[in-house]
PDB file of N, CA and C in Angstrom:
ATOM      1  N   MET A   1      23.296  -0.705  -1.818  1.00  0.00           N
ATOM      2  CA  MET A   1      22.549  -0.475  -3.231  1.00  0.00           C
ATOM      3  C   MET A   1      21.136  -0.484  -3.174  1.00  0.00           C
ATOM      4  N   GLY A   2      20.248   0.477  -3.629  1.00  0.00           N
ATOM      5  CA  GLY A   2      18.787   0.692  -3.843  1.00  0.00           C
ATOM      6  C   GLY A   2      18.277  -0.523  -4.575  1.00  0.00           C
ATOM      7  N   ALA A   3      16.869  -0.550  -4.622  1.00  0.00           N
ATOM      8  CA  ALA A   3      16.070  -1.444  -5.327  1.00  0.00           C
ATOM      9  C   ALA A   3      16.159  -0.998  -6.660  1.00  0.00           C
ATOM     10  N   PRO A   4      15.974  -1.873  -7.719  1.00  0.00           N
ATOM     11  CA  PRO A   4      16.015  -1.308  -9.132  1.00  0.00           C
ATOM     12  C   PRO A   4      14.820  -0.772  -9.501  1.00  0.00           C
ATOM     13  N   GLY A   5      14.822   0.197 -10.260  1.00  0.00           N
ATOM     14  CA  GLY A   5      13.758   1.214 -10.949  1.00  0.00           C
ATOM     15  C   GLY A   5      13.170   0.798 -12.072  1.00  0.00           C
ATOM     16  N   PRO A   6      12.582   1.567 -12.814  1.00  0.00           N
ATOM     17  CA  PRO A   6      12.001   1.258 -14.224  1.00  0.00           C
ATOM     18  C   PRO A   6      13.134   1.658 -15.223  1.00  0.00           C
ATOM     19  N   ALA A   7      13.338   0.860 -16.003  1.00  0.00           N
ATOM     20  CA  ALA A   7      14.358   0.733 -17.096  1.00  0.00           C
ATOM     21  C   ALA A   7      15.750   0.506 -16.278  1.00  0.00           C
ATOM     22  N   GLY A   8      15.806  -0.505 -15.292  1.00  0.00           N
ATOM     23  CA  GLY A   8      17.190  -0.367 -14.774  1.00  0.00           C
ATOM     24  C   GLY A   8      17.679   0.382 -13.677  1.00  0.00           C
ATOM     25  N   ARG A   9      16.985   1.443 -13.719  1.00  0.00           N
ATOM     26  CA  ARG A   9      17.480   2.431 -12.736  1.00  0.00           C
ATOM     27  C   ARG A   9      17.261   1.923 -11.129  1.00  0.00           C
ATOM     28  N   ARG A  10      18.221   2.453 -10.393  1.00  0.00           N
ATOM     29  CA  ARG A  10      18.108   1.866  -8.932  1.00  0.00           C
ATOM     30  C   ARG A  10      17.642   3.028  -8.071  1.00  0.00           C
ATOM     31  N   PHE A  11      16.868   2.824  -7.151  1.00  0.00           N
ATOM     32  CA  PHE A  11      16.172   3.877  -6.410  1.00  0.00           C
ATOM     33  C   PHE A  11      17.196   3.776  -5.112  1.00  0.00           C
ATOM     34  N   GLU A  12      17.909   4.910  -4.590  1.00  0.00           N
ATOM     35  CA  GLU A  12      18.864   5.077  -3.661  1.00  0.00           C
ATOM     36  C   GLU A  12      17.999   5.291  -2.292  1.00  0.00           C
ATOM     37  N   SER A  13      16.848   5.437  -2.094  1.00  0.00           N
ATOM     38  CA  SER A  13      16.102   5.931  -1.017  1.00  0.00           C
ATOM     39  C   SER A  13      14.783   5.808  -1.314  1.00  0.00           C
ATOM     40  N   PHE A  14      14.008   5.847  -0.143  1.00  0.00           N
ATOM     41  CA  PHE A  14      12.491   5.656  -0.259  1.00  0.00           C
ATOM     42  C   PHE A  14      11.901   7.073  -0.866  1.00  0.00           C
ATOM     43  N   ALA A  15      12.516   8.145  -0.678  1.00  0.00           N
ATOM     44  CA  ALA A  15      12.369   9.690  -1.006  1.00  0.00           C
ATOM     45  C   ALA A  15      12.314   9.543  -2.553  1.00  0.00           C
ATOM     46  N   ALA A  16      13.177   8.821  -3.075  1.00  0.00           N
ATOM     47  CA  ALA A  16      13.460   8.549  -4.604  1.00  0.00           C
ATOM     48  C   ALA A  16      12.399   7.652  -5.398  1.00  0.00           C
ATOM     49  N   PHE A  17      12.150   6.544  -4.265  1.00  0.00           N
ATOM     50  CA  PHE A  17      11.207   5.621  -4.683  1.00  0.00           C
ATOM     51  C   PHE A  17       9.486   6.103  -4.675  1.00  0.00           C
ATOM     52  N   TYR A  18       9.395   6.945  -3.875  1.00  0.00           N
ATOM     53  CA  TYR A  18       7.854   7.365  -3.524  1.00  0.00           C
ATOM     54  C   TYR A  18       7.118   8.025  -4.864  1.00  0.00           C
ATOM     55  N   PRO A  19       7.638   8.892  -5.444  1.00  0.00           N
ATOM     56  CA  PRO A  19       7.256   9.231  -6.606  1.00  0.00           C
ATOM     57  C   PRO A  19       6.736   8.320  -7.571  1.00  0.00           C
ATOM     58  N   HIS A  20       7.599   7.470  -7.787  1.00  0.00           N
ATOM     59  CA  HIS A  20       7.507   6.193  -8.690  1.00  0.00           C
ATOM     60  C   HIS A  20       6.255   5.362  -8.007  1.00  0.00           C
ATOM     61  N   TYR A  21       6.227   5.152  -6.908  1.00  0.00           N
ATOM     62  CA  TYR A  21       5.024   4.414  -6.025  1.00  0.00           C
ATOM     63  C   TYR A  21       3.782   5.243  -6.382  1.00  0.00           C
ATOM     64  N   ILE A  22       3.525   6.546  -6.183  1.00  0.00           N
ATOM     65  CA  ILE A  22       2.415   7.274  -6.531  1.00  0.00           C
ATOM     66  C   ILE A  22       2.059   7.365  -7.859  1.00  0.00           C
ATOM     67  N   HIS A  23       3.091   7.372  -8.959  1.00  0.00           N
ATOM     68  CA  HIS A  23       2.547   7.226 -10.265  1.00  0.00           C
ATOM     69  C   HIS A  23       1.992   6.013 -10.843  1.00  0.00           C
ATOM     70  N   GLU A  24       2.352   4.999  -9.934  1.00  0.00           N
ATOM     71  CA  GLU A  24       1.906   3.455 -10.124  1.00  0.00           C
ATOM     72  C   GLU A  24       0.463   3.376  -9.248  1.00  0.00           C
ATOM     73  N   HIS A  25      -0.012   4.556  -8.795  1.00  0.00           N
ATOM     74  CA  HIS A  25      -1.319   4.657  -8.142  1.00  0.00           C
ATOM     75  C   HIS A  25      -2.035   5.585  -8.770  1.00  0.00           C
ATOM     76  N   SER A  26      -2.018   5.922 -10.007  1.00  0.00           N
ATOM     77  CA  SER A  26      -2.883   7.040 -10.589  1.00  0.00           C
ATOM     78  C   SER A  26      -4.382   7.055 -10.635  1.00  0.00           C
ATOM     79  N   ASN A  27      -4.558   5.709 -10.857  1.00  0.00           N
ATOM     80  CA  ASN A  27      -5.982   5.484 -10.880  1.00  0.00           C
ATOM     81  C   ASN A  27      -6.694   5.676  -9.602  1.00  0.00           C
ATOM     82  N   ARG A  28      -7.674   6.604  -9.662  1.00  0.00           N
ATOM     83  CA  ARG A  28      -8.269   7.261  -8.342  1.00  0.00           C
ATOM     84  C   ARG A  28      -8.938   5.994  -7.717  1.00  0.00           C
ATOM     85  N   THR A  29      -9.507   5.060  -8.369  1.00  0.00           N
ATOM     86  CA  THR A  29     -10.423   3.865  -7.576  1.00  0.00           C
ATOM     87  C   THR A  29      -9.166   2.993  -6.879  1.00  0.00           C
ATOM     88  N   CYS A  30      -8.330   2.716  -7.509  1.00  0.00           N
ATOM     89  CA  CYS A  30      -7.333   1.971  -7.181  1.00  0.00           C
ATOM     90  C   CYS A  30      -6.748   2.701  -5.921  1.00  0.00           C
ATOM     91  N   ARG A  31      -6.548   3.958  -5.677  1.00  0.00           N
ATOM     92  CA  ARG A  31      -6.103   4.495  -4.534  1.00  0.00           C
ATOM     93  C   ARG A  31      -6.995   4.442  -3.323  1.00  0.00           C
ATOM     94  N   ARG A  32      -8.298   4.748  -3.727  1.00  0.00           N
ATOM     95  CA  ARG A  32      -9.438   4.419  -2.971  1.00  0.00           C
ATOM     96  C   ARG A  32      -9.464   2.981  -2.325  1.00  0.00           C
ATOM     97  N   ILE A  33      -9.378   2.004  -3.028  1.00  0.00           N
ATOM     98  CA  ILE A  33      -9.369   0.708  -2.718  1.00  0.00           C
ATOM     99  C   ILE A  33      -8.191   0.350  -1.510  1.00  0.00           C
ATOM    100  N   HIS A  34      -6.969   0.995  -2.050  1.00  0.00           N
ATOM    101  CA  HIS A  34      -5.794   0.959  -1.174  1.00  0.00           C
ATOM    102  C   HIS A  34      -6.129   1.617   0.413  1.00  0.00           C
ATOM    103  N   VAL A  35      -6.783   2.566   0.227  1.00  0.00           N
ATOM    104  CA  VAL A  35      -7.098   3.159   1.424  1.00  0.00           C
ATOM    105  C   VAL A  35      -8.202   2.510   2.280  1.00  0.00           C
ATOM    106  N   VAL A  36      -8.913   1.831   1.694  1.00  0.00           N
ATOM    107  CA  VAL A  36     -10.121   1.154   2.428  1.00  0.00           C
ATOM    108  C   VAL A  36      -9.335  -0.347   3.041  1.00  0.00           C
ATOM    109  N   GLY A  37      -8.507  -0.748   2.208  1.00  0.00           N
ATOM    110  CA  GLY A  37      -7.964  -2.215   2.724  1.00  0.00           C
ATOM    111  C   GLY A  37      -7.017  -1.736   3.734  1.00  0.00           C
ATOM    112  N   SER A  38      -6.188  -0.613   4.006  1.00  0.00           N
ATOM    113  CA  SER A  38      -5.377  -0.067   4.814  1.00  0.00           C
ATOM    114  C   SER A  38      -5.985  -0.048   6.112  1.00  0.00           C
ATOM    115  N   ALA A  39      -7.278   0.871   6.050  1.00  0.00           N
ATOM    116  CA  ALA A  39      -8.387   1.206   7.126  1.00  0.00           C
ATOM    117  C   ALA A  39      -8.827  -0.174   7.935  1.00  0.00           C
ATOM    118  N   LEU A  40      -9.120  -1.307   6.779  1.00  0.00           N
ATOM    119  CA  LEU A  40      -9.621  -2.405   7.588  1.00  0.00           C
ATOM    120  C   LEU A  40      -8.546  -3.149   8.174  1.00  0.00           C
ATOM    121  N   ALA A  41      -7.333  -2.955   7.712  1.00  0.00           N
ATOM    122  CA  ALA A  41      -6.033  -3.743   8.535  1.00  0.00           C
ATOM    123  C   ALA A  41      -5.921  -3.180   9.662  1.00  0.00           C
ATOM    124  N   LEU A  42      -6.193  -1.931   9.668  1.00  0.00           N
ATOM    125  CA  LEU A  42      -6.305  -1.172  11.022  1.00  0.00           C
ATOM    126  C   LEU A  42      -7.389  -1.569  12.279  1.00  0.00           C
ATOM    127  N   VAL A  43      -8.425  -1.942  11.468  1.00  0.00           N
ATOM    128  CA  VAL A  43      -9.522  -2.373  12.252  1.00  0.00           C
ATOM    129  C   VAL A  43      -9.401  -3.977  12.783  1.00  0.00           C
ATOM    130  N   VAL A  44      -8.666  -4.644  11.991  1.00  0.00           N
ATOM    131  CA  VAL A  44      -8.281  -5.693  12.361  1.00  0.00           C
ATOM    132  C   VAL A  44      -7.344  -6.046  13.404  1.00  0.00           C
ATOM    133  N   LEU A  45      -6.145  -5.079  13.392  1.00  0.00           N
ATOM    134  CA  LEU A  45      -5.346  -4.806  14.517  1.00  0.00           C
ATOM    135  C   LEU A  45      -6.125  -4.387  15.777  1.00  0.00           C
ATOM    136  N   ALA A  46      -6.787  -3.382  15.871  1.00  0.00           N
ATOM    137  CA  ALA A  46      -7.875  -3.249  16.677  1.00  0.00           C
ATOM    138  C   ALA A  46      -8.567  -4.060  17.395  1.00  0.00           C
ATOM    139  N   THR A  47      -9.215  -5.034  16.643  1.00  0.00           N
ATOM    140  CA  THR A  47     -10.061  -6.156  17.276  1.00  0.00           C
ATOM    141  C   THR A  47      -8.711  -7.034  17.708  1.00  0.00           C
ATOM    142  N   ALA A  48      -7.855  -7.402  17.001  1.00  0.00           N
ATOM    143  CA  ALA A  48      -6.702  -8.271  17.933  1.00  0.00           C
ATOM    144  C   ALA A  48      -6.274  -7.854  19.119  1.00  0.00           C
ATOM    145  N   ALA A  49      -6.326  -6.476  19.241  1.00  0.00           N
ATOM    146  CA  ALA A  49      -5.826  -5.890  20.523  1.00  0.00           C
ATOM    147  C   ALA A  49      -6.937  -5.775  21.458  1.00  0.00           C
ATOM    148  N   ALA A  50      -8.259  -5.530  21.156  1.00  0.00           N
ATOM    149  CA  ALA A  50      -9.459  -5.486  22.029  1.00  0.00           C
ATOM    150  C   ALA A  50      -9.692  -6.952  22.494  1.00  0.00           C
ATOM    151  N   THR A  51      -9.428  -7.940  21.679  1.00  0.00           N
ATOM    152  CA  THR A  51      -9.942  -9.363  21.841  1.00  0.00           C
ATOM    153  C   THR A  51      -8.942  -9.999  22.931  1.00  0.00           C
ATOM    154  N   ARG A  52      -7.662  -9.435  22.483  1.00  0.00           N
ATOM    155  CA  ARG A  52      -6.354 -10.014  22.885  1.00  0.00           C
ATOM    156  C   ARG A  52      -6.128 -11.338  22.547  1.00  0.00           C
ATOM    157  N   ASN A  53      -6.609 -11.440  21.213  1.00  0.00           N
ATOM    158  CA  ASN A  53      -6.507 -12.652  20.187  1.00  0.00           C
ATOM    159  C   ASN A  53      -5.539 -12.520  19.325  1.00  0.00           C
ATOM    160  N   PRO A  54      -4.217 -13.053  19.137  1.00  0.00           N
ATOM    161  CA  PRO A  54      -3.501 -12.614  18.214  1.00  0.00           C
ATOM    162  C   PRO A  54      -3.785 -13.643  16.918  1.00  0.00           C
ATOM    163  N   TRP A  55      -4.749 -14.174  16.869  1.00  0.00           N
ATOM    164  CA  TRP A  55      -5.170 -15.172  15.614  1.00  0.00           C
ATOM    165  C   TRP A  55      -5.662 -14.143  14.521  1.00  0.00           C
ATOM    166  N   TRP A  56      -5.823 -13.018  14.852  1.00  0.00           N
ATOM    167  CA  TRP A  56      -6.704 -11.852  14.058  1.00  0.00           C
ATOM    168  C   TRP A  56      -5.423 -11.487  13.304  1.00  0.00           C
ATOM    169  N   LEU A  57      -4.136 -11.182  13.891  1.00  0.00           N
ATOM    170  CA  LEU A  57      -3.162 -10.694  13.095  1.00  0.00           C
ATOM    171  C   LEU A  57      -2.625 -11.445  11.809  1.00  0.00           C
ATOM    172  N   PRO A  58      -2.793 -12.426  11.576  1.00  0.00           N
ATOM    173  CA  PRO A  58      -2.842 -12.828  10.000  1.00  0.00           C
ATOM    174  C   PRO A  58      -3.739 -12.180   9.086  1.00  0.00           C
ATOM    175  N   ALA A  59      -4.788 -12.137   9.424  1.00  0.00           N
ATOM    176  CA  ALA A  59      -5.819 -11.380   8.608  1.00  0.00           C
ATOM    177  C   ALA A  59      -5.091 -10.178   8.162  1.00  0.00           C
ATOM    178  N   MET A  60      -4.578  -9.299   8.859  1.00  0.00           N
ATOM    179  CA  MET A  60      -4.131  -7.963   8.505  1.00  0.00           C
ATOM    180  C   MET A  60      -3.567  -7.893   6.998  1.00  0.00           C
ATOM    181  N   PRO A  61      -2.291  -8.529   6.624  1.00  0.00           N
ATOM    182  CA  PRO A  61      -1.829  -8.658   5.073  1.00  0.00           C
ATOM    183  C   PRO A  61      -3.006  -9.293   4.287  1.00  0.00           C
ATOM    184  N   VAL A  62      -3.707 -10.152   4.534  1.00  0.00           N
ATOM    185  CA  VAL A  62      -4.839 -10.620   3.693  1.00  0.00           C
ATOM    186  C   VAL A  62      -5.609  -9.686   3.209  1.00  0.00           C
ATOM    187  N   VAL A  63      -6.242  -8.874   4.237  1.00  0.00           N
ATOM    188  CA  VAL A  63      -6.953  -7.918   4.065  1.00  0.00           C
ATOM    189  C   VAL A  63      -6.254  -6.770   3.283  1.00  0.00           C
ATOM    190  N   GLY A  64      -5.447  -6.245   3.646  1.00  0.00           N
ATOM    191  CA  GLY A  64      -4.485  -4.968   3.188  1.00  0.00           C
ATOM    192  C   GLY A  64      -4.243  -5.079   1.707  1.00  0.00           C
ATOM    193  N   TYR A  65      -3.505  -6.321   1.510  1.00  0.00           N
ATOM    194  CA  TYR A  65      -2.790  -6.599   0.213  1.00  0.00           C
ATOM    195  C   TYR A  65      -4.090  -7.016  -0.594  1.00  0.00           C
ATOM    196  N   GLY A  66      -5.052  -8.022  -0.273  1.00  0.00           N
ATOM    197  CA  GLY A  66      -5.984  -8.327  -0.891  1.00  0.00           C
ATOM    198  C   GLY A  66      -6.803  -7.137  -1.590  1.00  0.00           C
ATOM    199  N   PHE A  67      -7.210  -5.931  -0.991  1.00  0.00           N
ATOM    200  CA  PHE A  67      -7.783  -4.707  -1.571  1.00  0.00           C
ATOM    201  C   PHE A  67      -6.930  -4.128  -2.504  1.00  0.00           C
ATOM    202  N   ALA A  68      -5.303  -3.897  -2.113  1.00  0.00           N
ATOM    203  CA  ALA A  68      -4.373  -3.256  -2.753  1.00  0.00           C
ATOM    204  C   ALA A  68      -4.254  -4.027  -4.093  1.00  0.00           C
ATOM    205  N   TRP A  69      -4.008  -5.301  -3.880  1.00  0.00           N
ATOM    206  CA  TRP A  69      -3.834  -6.130  -5.375  1.00  0.00           C
ATOM    207  C   TRP A  69      -5.144  -6.139  -6.247  1.00  0.00           C
ATOM    208  N   ALA A  70      -6.331  -6.031  -5.782  1.00  0.00           N
ATOM    209  CA  ALA A  70      -7.531  -6.088  -6.657  1.00  0.00           C
ATOM    210  C   ALA A  70      -7.573  -4.603  -7.303  1.00  0.00           C
ATOM    211  N   GLY A  71      -7.270  -3.666  -6.616  1.00  0.00           N
ATOM    212  CA  GLY A  71      -7.007  -2.117  -6.960  1.00  0.00           C
ATOM    213  C   GLY A  71      -6.200  -2.300  -8.404  1.00  0.00           C
ATOM    214  N   HIS A  72      -5.072  -2.933  -8.066  1.00  0.00           N
ATOM    215  CA  HIS A  72      -4.146  -2.795  -9.288  1.00  0.00           C
ATOM    216  C   HIS A  72      -4.627  -3.696 -10.342  1.00  0.00           C
ATOM    217  N   PHE A  73      -5.042  -4.872 -10.045  1.00  0.00           N
ATOM    218  CA  PHE A  73      -5.284  -5.854 -11.177  1.00  0.00           C
ATOM    219  C   PHE A  73      -6.562  -5.403 -12.106  1.00  0.00           C
ATOM    220  N   PHE A  74      -7.597  -4.815 -11.489  1.00  0.00           N
ATOM    221  CA  PHE A  74      -8.782  -4.550 -12.072  1.00  0.00           C
ATOM    222  C   PHE A  74      -9.053  -3.032 -12.667  1.00  0.00           C
ATOM    223  N   PHE A  75      -8.133  -2.412 -11.756  1.00  0.00           N
ATOM    224  CA  PHE A  75      -8.716  -0.800 -11.900  1.00  0.00           C
ATOM    225  C   PHE A  75      -7.253  -0.086 -12.543  1.00  0.00           C
ATOM    226  N   GLU A  76      -6.092  -0.183 -11.775  1.00  0.00           N
ATOM    227  CA  GLU A  76      -5.043   0.238 -12.361  1.00  0.00           C
ATOM    228  C   GLU A  76      -4.223  -0.338 -13.611  1.00  0.00           C
ATOM    229  N   LYS A  77      -4.720  -1.566 -13.439  1.00  0.00           N
ATOM    230  CA  LYS A  77      -4.024  -2.665 -14.613  1.00  0.00           C
ATOM    231  C   LYS A  77      -2.608  -2.485 -14.728  1.00  0.00           C
ATOM    232  N   ASN A  78      -1.807  -2.518 -13.364  1.00  0.00           N
ATOM    233  CA  ASN A  78      -0.352  -2.964 -13.634  1.00  0.00           C
ATOM    234  C   ASN A  78      -0.169  -3.809 -12.581  1.00  0.00           C
ATOM    235  N   ARG A  79       1.292  -4.181 -12.501  1.00  0.00           N
ATOM    236  CA  ARG A  79       1.797  -5.010 -11.470  1.00  0.00           C
ATOM    237  C   ARG A  79       2.066  -4.344 -10.119  1.00  0.00           C
ATOM    238  N   PRO A  80       1.622  -4.907  -8.975  1.00  0.00           N
ATOM    239  CA  PRO A  80       1.816  -4.032  -7.893  1.00  0.00           C
ATOM    240  C   PRO A  80       3.415  -4.086  -7.352  1.00  0.00           C
ATOM    241  N   ALA A  81       3.578  -2.816  -6.798  1.00  0.00           N
ATOM    242  CA  ALA A  81       5.060  -2.357  -6.666  1.00  0.00           C
ATOM    243  C   ALA A  81       5.388  -3.424  -5.534  1.00  0.00           C
ATOM    244  N   THR A  82       4.575  -4.126  -4.714  1.00  0.00           N
ATOM    245  CA  THR A  82       5.086  -5.178  -3.571  1.00  0.00           C
ATOM    246  C   THR A  82       5.880  -5.961  -4.131  1.00  0.00           C
ATOM    247  N   PHE A  83       5.648  -6.505  -5.361  1.00  0.00           N
ATOM    248  CA  PHE A  83       6.339  -7.563  -5.823  1.00  0.00           C
ATOM    249  C   PHE A  83       7.830  -7.421  -6.233  1.00  0.00           C
ATOM    250  N   ARG A  84       8.142  -5.944  -6.553  1.00  0.00           N
ATOM    251  CA  ARG A  84       9.489  -5.691  -7.000  1.00  0.00           C
ATOM    252  C   ARG A  84      10.164  -4.927  -5.610  1.00  0.00           C
ATOM    253  N   TYR A  85       9.347  -4.042  -4.865  1.00  0.00           N
ATOM    254  CA  TYR A  85       9.910  -3.276  -3.781  1.00  0.00           C
ATOM    255  C   TYR A  85       8.861  -3.640  -2.585  1.00  0.00           C
ATOM    256  N   PRO A  86       9.201  -4.940  -1.629  1.00  0.00           N
ATOM    257  CA  PRO A  86       8.144  -5.203  -0.750  1.00  0.00           C
ATOM    258  C   PRO A  86       8.145  -4.017   0.631  1.00  0.00           C
ATOM    259  N   LEU A  87       9.353  -3.812   0.674  1.00  0.00           N
ATOM    260  CA  LEU A  87       9.185  -3.009   2.198  1.00  0.00           C
ATOM    261  C   LEU A  87       9.146  -1.535   1.700  1.00  0.00           C
ATOM    262  N   TRP A  88       9.691  -0.878   0.772  1.00  0.00           N
ATOM    263  CA  TRP A  88       9.190   0.480   0.292  1.00  0.00           C
ATOM    264  C   TRP A  88       7.875   0.660  -0.087  1.00  0.00           C
ATOM    265  N   SER A  89       7.220  -0.619  -0.961  1.00  0.00           N
ATOM    266  CA  SER A  89       5.813  -0.587  -0.999  1.00  0.00           C
ATOM    267  C   SER A  89       4.919  -0.368   0.130  1.00  0.00           C
ATOM    268  N   LEU A  90       5.232  -1.198   1.126  1.00  0.00           N
ATOM    269  CA  LEU A  90       4.719  -1.110   2.302  1.00  0.00           C
ATOM    270  C   LEU A  90       4.471   0.068   3.009  1.00  0.00           C
ATOM    271  N   MET A  91       5.696   0.970   2.947  1.00  0.00           N
ATOM    272  CA  MET A  91       5.894   2.262   3.418  1.00  0.00           C
ATOM    273  C   MET A  91       5.285   3.238   2.759  1.00  0.00           C
ATOM    274  N   GLY A  92       5.110   3.092   1.287  1.00  0.00           N
ATOM    275  CA  GLY A  92       4.542   3.723   0.629  1.00  0.00           C
ATOM    276  C   GLY A  92       2.905   3.865   0.811  1.00  0.00           C
ATOM    277  N   ASP A  93       2.490   2.402   0.980  1.00  0.00           N
ATOM    278  CA  ASP A  93       1.090   2.339   1.299  1.00  0.00           C
ATOM    279  C   ASP A  93       0.512   3.094   2.591  1.00  0.00           C
ATOM    280  N   TRP A  94       1.588   3.018   3.560  1.00  0.00           N
ATOM    281  CA  TRP A  94       0.821   3.609   4.881  1.00  0.00           C
ATOM    282  C   TRP A  94       1.237   5.312   4.706  1.00  0.00           C
ATOM    283  N   ARG A  95       2.182   5.676   3.812  1.00  0.00           N
ATOM    284  CA  ARG A  95       2.347   7.114   3.627  1.00  0.00           C
ATOM    285  C   ARG A  95       1.201   7.892   2.836  1.00  0.00           C
ATOM    286  N   MET A  96       0.791   6.813   1.691  1.00  0.00           N
ATOM    287  CA  MET A  96      -0.275   7.241   0.989  1.00  0.00           C
ATOM    288  C   MET A  96      -1.655   7.373   1.897  1.00  0.00           C
ATOM    289  N   PHE A  97      -1.830   6.467   2.832  1.00  0.00           N
ATOM    290  CA  PHE A  97      -2.706   6.271   3.655  1.00  0.00           C
ATOM    291  C   PHE A  97      -2.963   7.565   4.402  1.00  0.00           C
ATOM    292  N   PHE A  98      -1.783   7.689   4.987  1.00  0.00           N
ATOM    293  CA  PHE A  98      -1.812   8.848   6.255  1.00  0.00           C
ATOM    294  C   PHE A  98      -1.988  10.166   5.593  1.00  0.00           C
ATOM    295  N   GLU A  99      -1.325  10.362   4.255  1.00  0.00           N
ATOM    296  CA  GLU A  99      -1.539  11.576   3.445  1.00  0.00           C
ATOM    297  C   GLU A  99      -3.099  11.724   2.875  1.00  0.00           C
ATOM    298  N   THR A 100      -3.882  10.805   2.675  1.00  0.00           N
ATOM    299  CA  THR A 100      -5.294  10.529   2.081  1.00  0.00           C
ATOM    300  C   THR A 100      -6.041  10.853   3.318  1.00  0.00           C
ATOM    301  N   VAL A 101      -5.890  10.477   4.293  1.00  0.00           N
ATOM    302  CA  VAL A 101      -6.969  10.423   5.657  1.00  0.00           C
ATOM    303  C   VAL A 101      -6.672  12.080   6.186  1.00  0.00           C
ATOM    304  N   SER A 102      -5.661  12.306   6.082  1.00  0.00           N
ATOM    305  CA  SER A 102      -5.073  13.898   6.412  1.00  0.00           C
ATOM    306  C   SER A 102      -5.764  15.034   5.554  1.00  0.00           C
ATOM    307  N   GLY A 103      -6.186  14.424   4.284  1.00  0.00           N
ATOM    308  CA  GLY A 103      -6.595  15.499   3.475  1.00  0.00           C
ATOM    309  C   GLY A 103      -5.412  16.087   2.505  1.00  0.00           C
ATOM    310  N   ARG A 104      -4.201  15.729   2.627  1.00  0.00           N
ATOM    311  CA  ARG A 104      -2.894  16.265   1.885  1.00  0.00           C
ATOM    312  C   ARG A 104      -3.153  15.486   0.456  1.00  0.00           C
ATOM    313  N   ARG A 105      -3.915  14.427   0.364  1.00  0.00           N
ATOM    314  CA  ARG A 105      -3.941  13.506  -1.113  1.00  0.00           C
ATOM    315  C   ARG A 105      -5.460  13.315  -1.395  1.00  0.00           C
ATOM    316  N   ARG A 106      -5.959  13.512  -2.622  1.00  0.00           N
ATOM    317  CA  ARG A 106      -7.413  13.274  -2.886  1.00  0.00           C
ATOM    318  C   ARG A 106      -7.655  11.902  -2.573  1.00  0.00           C
ATOM    319  N   PHE A 107      -8.906  11.718  -2.061  1.00  0.00           N
ATOM    320  CA  PHE A 107      -9.447  10.460  -2.008  1.00  0.00           C
ATOM    321  C   PHE A 107     -10.531  10.346  -3.135  1.00  0.00           C
TER     322      PHE A 107
END
């Protein structure tokens, strides 16, 4: 069974969830902050790999989610999807990130 959606509806797949995820990110500033947070999380990952120091890795979710949640609380004015759909939300973050950096979604 899928994760519960709006008004008790259940999402049966990530494909069904993703339009809801995008709707929850309609504010352009919120989307921009998400992209910056995801990019910084990748910088932290690269730093951990370059220095061969795994102590950098715990900073990845702090940076990524910190930026994303700030975008939701201060600009989007909604509750982050992570709280209801943690795995699909993480997948949505990266899909939205790659759509944005590839030019398929407005930054």
